[in-house]
Amino acid sequence: MLEFLYKALASPRGIVLRTSDVERARQKLYAARREACDEALNALGLTPSPSAPETELWIVKKARPDAPT
Protein backbone atom coordinates (compact mmCIF):
# COMPACT_ATOMS: atom_id res chain seq x y z
CA MET A 1 0.00 0.00 0.00
CA LEU A 2 2.89 2.31 0.68
CA GLU A 3 3.83 2.24 -3.01
CA PHE A 4 0.48 3.84 -3.88
CA LEU A 5 1.08 6.65 -1.40
CA TYR A 6 4.51 7.41 -2.81
CA LYS A 7 3.21 7.18 -6.38
CA ALA A 8 0.54 9.77 -5.51
CA LEU A 9 3.13 11.96 -3.80
CA ALA A 10 5.32 11.88 -6.92
CA SER A 11 2.47 12.80 -9.25
CA PRO A 12 1.35 16.38 -9.92
CA ARG A 13 -2.08 16.00 -8.23
CA GLY A 14 -2.46 12.42 -7.05
CA ILE A 15 -3.73 9.09 -8.33
CA VAL A 16 -6.93 7.08 -8.63
CA LEU A 17 -6.89 3.67 -6.97
CA ARG A 18 -9.51 1.24 -8.28
CA THR A 19 -10.66 -1.26 -5.68
CA SER A 20 -13.60 -3.49 -4.82
CA ASP A 21 -13.73 -2.10 -1.26
CA VAL A 22 -12.96 1.60 -0.99
CA GLU A 23 -13.27 1.84 2.80
CA ARG A 24 -11.01 -1.15 3.40
CA ALA A 25 -8.38 0.24 1.01
CA ARG A 26 -8.59 3.61 2.74
CA GLN A 27 -8.04 2.09 6.17
CA LYS A 28 -5.03 0.09 4.90
CA LEU A 29 -3.54 3.23 3.37
CA TYR A 30 -4.01 5.17 6.62
CA ALA A 31 -2.26 2.36 8.51
CA ALA A 32 0.59 2.25 5.99
CA ARG A 33 1.02 6.02 6.28
CA ARG A 34 1.17 5.82 10.08
CA GLU A 35 3.70 2.97 10.02
CA ALA A 36 5.92 4.75 7.47
CA CYS A 37 6.46 7.69 9.85
CA ASP A 38 7.14 9.92 6.84
CA GLU A 39 5.84 13.48 7.35
CA ALA A 40 5.73 14.02 3.56
CA LEU A 41 2.85 11.54 3.32
CA ASN A 42 0.68 13.85 5.45
CA ALA A 43 0.33 16.02 2.33
CA LEU A 44 -2.02 13.38 0.89
CA GLY A 45 -5.74 13.09 1.35
CA LEU A 46 -7.74 9.89 0.83
CA THR A 47 -11.25 10.39 -0.50
CA PRO A 48 -13.79 8.29 -2.39
CA SER A 49 -14.39 9.44 -5.94
CA PRO A 50 -17.56 11.54 -6.27
CA SER A 51 -18.42 9.78 -9.55
CA ALA A 52 -17.55 6.20 -8.50
CA PRO A 53 -17.47 6.13 -4.67
CA GLU A 54 -17.77 2.36 -4.42
CA THR A 55 -14.90 1.47 -6.77
CA GLU A 56 -12.44 4.40 -6.82
CA LEU A 57 -10.39 5.95 -4.06
CA TRP A 58 -8.60 9.19 -4.83
CA ILE A 59 -5.20 9.71 -3.24
CA VAL A 60 -4.71 13.43 -3.78
CA LYS A 61 -2.36 16.14 -2.69
CA LYS A 62 -3.97 18.52 -0.24
CA ALA A 63 -3.98 22.20 -1.13
CA ARG A 64 -1.19 24.10 0.55
CA PRO A 65 -2.17 27.46 2.06
CA ASP A 66 1.02 29.07 0.66
CA ALA A 67 0.52 27.71 -2.87
CA PRO A 68 -0.30 30.22 -5.61
CA THR A 69 -3.75 29.88 -7.19
C-alpha atoms as a PDB file:
ATOM      1  CA  MET A   1       0.000   0.000   0.000  1.00  0.00           C
ATOM      2  CA  LEU A   2       2.891   2.312   0.679  1.00  0.00           C
ATOM      3  CA  GLU A   3       3.835   2.241  -3.007  1.00  0.00           C
ATOM      4  CA  PHE A   4       0.475   3.837  -3.881  1.00  0.00           C
ATOM      5  CA  LEU A   5       1.081   6.652  -1.405  1.00  0.00           C
ATOM      6  CA  TYR A   6       4.513   7.412  -2.814  1.00  0.00           C
ATOM      7  CA  LYS A   7       3.208   7.185  -6.381  1.00  0.00           C
ATOM      8  CA  ALA A   8       0.540   9.769  -5.505  1.00  0.00           C
ATOM      9  CA  LEU A   9       3.126  11.956  -3.802  1.00  0.00           C
ATOM     10  CA  ALA A  10       5.323  11.881  -6.920  1.00  0.00           C
ATOM     11  CA  SER A  11       2.474  12.796  -9.253  1.00  0.00           C
ATOM     12  CA  PRO A  12       1.347  16.384  -9.916  1.00  0.00           C
ATOM     13  CA  ARG A  13      -2.075  15.997  -8.234  1.00  0.00           C
ATOM     14  CA  GLY A  14      -2.462  12.418  -7.049  1.00  0.00           C
ATOM     15  CA  ILE A  15      -3.728   9.088  -8.332  1.00  0.00           C
ATOM     16  CA  VAL A  16      -6.930   7.076  -8.626  1.00  0.00           C
ATOM     17  CA  LEU A  17      -6.895   3.667  -6.967  1.00  0.00           C
ATOM     18  CA  ARG A  18      -9.509   1.242  -8.279  1.00  0.00           C
ATOM     19  CA  THR A  19     -10.658  -1.260  -5.681  1.00  0.00           C
ATOM     20  CA  SER A  20     -13.596  -3.487  -4.825  1.00  0.00           C
ATOM     21  CA  ASP A  21     -13.729  -2.100  -1.263  1.00  0.00           C
ATOM     22  CA  VAL A  22     -12.962   1.605  -0.992  1.00  0.00           C
ATOM     23  CA  GLU A  23     -13.265   1.844   2.795  1.00  0.00           C
ATOM     24  CA  ARG A  24     -11.007  -1.154   3.400  1.00  0.00           C
ATOM     25  CA  ALA A  25      -8.376   0.241   1.014  1.00  0.00           C
ATOM     26  CA  ARG A  26      -8.586   3.609   2.741  1.00  0.00           C
ATOM     27  CA  GLN A  27      -8.035   2.085   6.166  1.00  0.00           C
ATOM     28  CA  LYS A  28      -5.035   0.094   4.896  1.00  0.00           C
ATOM     29  CA  LEU A  29      -3.543   3.228   3.369  1.00  0.00           C
ATOM     30  CA  TYR A  30      -4.008   5.172   6.616  1.00  0.00           C
ATOM     31  CA  ALA A  31      -2.264   2.358   8.507  1.00  0.00           C
ATOM     32  CA  ALA A  32       0.593   2.248   5.989  1.00  0.00           C
ATOM     33  CA  ARG A  33       1.016   6.023   6.277  1.00  0.00           C
ATOM     34  CA  ARG A  34       1.166   5.816  10.085  1.00  0.00           C
ATOM     35  CA  GLU A  35       3.696   2.973  10.020  1.00  0.00           C
ATOM     36  CA  ALA A  36       5.916   4.745   7.472  1.00  0.00           C
ATOM     37  CA  CYS A  37       6.459   7.694   9.854  1.00  0.00           C
ATOM     38  CA  ASP A  38       7.135   9.924   6.838  1.00  0.00           C
ATOM     39  CA  GLU A  39       5.845  13.476   7.348  1.00  0.00           C
ATOM     40  CA  ALA A  40       5.733  14.023   3.564  1.00  0.00           C
ATOM     41  CA  LEU A  41       2.852  11.539   3.316  1.00  0.00           C
ATOM     42  CA  ASN A  42       0.684  13.848   5.447  1.00  0.00           C
ATOM     43  CA  ALA A  43       0.330  16.023   2.334  1.00  0.00           C
ATOM     44  CA  LEU A  44      -2.021  13.383   0.893  1.00  0.00           C
ATOM     45  CA  GLY A  45      -5.745  13.088   1.346  1.00  0.00           C
ATOM     46  CA  LEU A  46      -7.744   9.893   0.827  1.00  0.00           C
ATOM     47  CA  THR A  47     -11.246  10.391  -0.503  1.00  0.00           C
ATOM     48  CA  PRO A  48     -13.789   8.288  -2.386  1.00  0.00           C
ATOM     49  CA  SER A  49     -14.386   9.442  -5.942  1.00  0.00           C
ATOM     50  CA  PRO A  50     -17.557  11.540  -6.274  1.00  0.00           C
ATOM     51  CA  SER A  51     -18.416   9.783  -9.549  1.00  0.00           C
ATOM     52  CA  ALA A  52     -17.545   6.204  -8.497  1.00  0.00           C
ATOM     53  CA  PRO A  53     -17.473   6.133  -4.674  1.00  0.00           C
ATOM     54  CA  GLU A  54     -17.770   2.360  -4.423  1.00  0.00           C
ATOM     55  CA  THR A  55     -14.898   1.473  -6.766  1.00  0.00           C
ATOM     56  CA  GLU A  56     -12.444   4.395  -6.818  1.00  0.00           C
ATOM     57  CA  LEU A  57     -10.386   5.950  -4.058  1.00  0.00           C
ATOM     58  CA  TRP A  58      -8.597   9.187  -4.825  1.00  0.00           C
ATOM     59  CA  ILE A  59      -5.195   9.707  -3.238  1.00  0.00           C
ATOM     60  CA  VAL A  60      -4.712  13.426  -3.780  1.00  0.00           C
ATOM     61  CA  LYS A  61      -2.363  16.143  -2.695  1.00  0.00           C
ATOM     62  CA  LYS A  62      -3.967  18.520  -0.238  1.00  0.00           C
ATOM     63  CA  ALA A  63      -3.983  22.201  -1.129  1.00  0.00           C
ATOM     64  CA  ARG A  64      -1.187  24.098   0.549  1.00  0.00           C
ATOM     65  CA  PRO A  65      -2.167  27.458   2.058  1.00  0.00           C
ATOM     66  CA  ASP A  66       1.021  29.066   0.665  1.00  0.00           C
ATOM     67  CA  ALA A  67       0.522  27.709  -2.870  1.00  0.00           C
ATOM     68  CA  PRO A  68      -0.305  30.215  -5.606  1.00  0.00           C
ATOM     69  CA  THR A  69      -3.749  29.884  -7.193  1.00  0.00           C
END
